[in-house]
Protein backbone atom coordinates (compact mmCIF):
# COMPACT_ATOMS: atom_id res chain seq x y z
CA MET A 1 0.06 10.50 -1.11
CA PRO A 2 -0.95 11.11 2.49
CA ILE A 3 -3.94 9.05 3.58
CA LYS A 4 -5.71 12.21 4.78
CA ALA A 5 -5.56 13.61 1.23
CA LEU A 6 -7.60 10.68 -0.06
CA GLY A 7 -10.74 11.70 1.84
CA ARG A 8 -13.06 9.37 3.74
CA ARG A 9 -13.73 7.02 0.84
CA GLY A 10 -10.04 6.78 -0.02
CA ARG A 11 -9.11 6.01 3.59
CA ASP A 12 -11.70 3.22 3.59
CA LEU A 13 -9.92 1.66 0.62
CA LEU A 14 -6.59 1.72 2.45
CA GLU A 15 -7.71 0.01 5.63
CA PRO A 16 -5.21 -2.61 6.76
CA GLY A 17 -6.19 -6.24 6.79
CA ARG A 18 -6.67 -9.29 4.69
CA VAL A 19 -5.89 -7.75 1.30
CA VAL A 20 -2.59 -6.19 2.38
CA SER A 21 -1.42 -9.34 4.13
CA SER A 22 -2.35 -11.62 1.23
CA TRP A 23 -0.65 -9.22 -1.19
CA VAL A 24 2.69 -9.12 0.54
CA MET A 25 2.87 -12.66 1.94
CA ALA A 26 2.44 -14.58 -1.30
CA SER A 27 5.34 -14.44 -3.71
CA SER A 28 3.64 -15.78 -6.83
CA GLY A 29 0.41 -15.22 -8.68
CA LEU A 30 0.61 -11.44 -9.03
CA LYS A 31 -2.34 -11.36 -11.41
CA GLN A 32 -4.47 -13.33 -8.96
CA LYS A 33 -3.50 -11.00 -6.09
CA MET A 34 -4.52 -8.03 -8.22
CA VAL A 35 -7.89 -9.60 -9.01
CA GLU A 36 -8.51 -10.38 -5.32
CA THR A 37 -7.62 -6.83 -4.36
CA VAL A 38 -10.09 -5.38 -6.84
CA GLU A 39 -12.78 -7.86 -5.76
CA HIS A 40 -12.48 -6.61 -2.15
CA LEU A 41 -13.20 -3.01 -3.13
CA PRO A 42 -16.65 -1.64 -2.29
CA GLU A 43 -19.29 -1.74 -5.03
CA SER A 44 -19.09 2.06 -5.25
CA ALA A 45 -15.35 2.01 -6.06
CA THR A 46 -14.16 3.71 -9.23
CA VAL A 47 -11.37 2.75 -11.60
CA GLU A 48 -9.27 5.43 -9.92
CA ASP A 49 -9.94 3.81 -6.52
CA ALA A 50 -8.70 0.47 -7.85
CA ILE A 51 -5.57 2.03 -9.31
CA GLU A 52 -4.83 3.87 -6.04
CA ARG A 53 -5.29 0.66 -4.04
CA LEU A 54 -3.01 -1.38 -6.30
CA TYR A 55 -0.40 1.38 -6.29
CA PHE A 56 -0.55 1.62 -2.49
CA LEU A 57 -0.11 -2.14 -2.07
CA ALA A 58 2.79 -2.20 -4.55
CA LYS A 59 4.53 0.53 -2.54
CA VAL A 60 3.92 -1.36 0.73
CA GLU A 61 5.42 -4.50 -0.78
CA ARG A 62 8.43 -2.58 -2.10
CA GLY A 63 9.00 -0.98 1.30
CA LEU A 64 8.85 -4.33 3.07
CA GLU A 65 11.34 -5.79 0.59
CA GLN A 66 13.69 -2.85 1.11
CA SER A 67 13.40 -3.17 4.88
CA ALA A 68 14.12 -6.90 4.76
CA ALA A 69 17.21 -6.17 2.65
CA GLY A 70 18.41 -3.65 5.22
CA ASP A 71 17.86 -0.72 2.88
CA THR A 72 16.57 1.64 5.57
CA ILE A 73 17.32 5.09 6.94
CA ALA A 74 17.71 5.73 10.66
CA HIS A 75 14.99 7.78 12.35
CA GLU A 76 17.51 10.43 13.44
CA ASP A 77 18.73 10.82 9.85
CA ILE A 78 15.17 11.38 8.64
CA LYS A 79 14.61 14.00 11.33
CA LYS A 80 17.77 15.80 10.20
CA ARG A 81 16.62 15.76 6.57
CA PHE A 82 13.21 17.23 7.31
CA LEU A 83 13.93 19.46 10.27
CA GLY A 84 17.16 20.93 8.98
């Protein structure tokens, strides 16, 4: 989901920083990382906000793992796919 589509409140939930880095740097304690992520949400956050945040962080972690494993696509190949 594009960040713009989340609206102002959604973008605030996706700001980079301490939660992202603690999520991807630690390799154990998934439940604890999830609790910390939810605790860092604003008081006005909804259940949907929490789910979106956790999903976003899981995708970031997966992408970093894929990149570290060399499972990437060259920029030129992506341009060809999307620009014809």
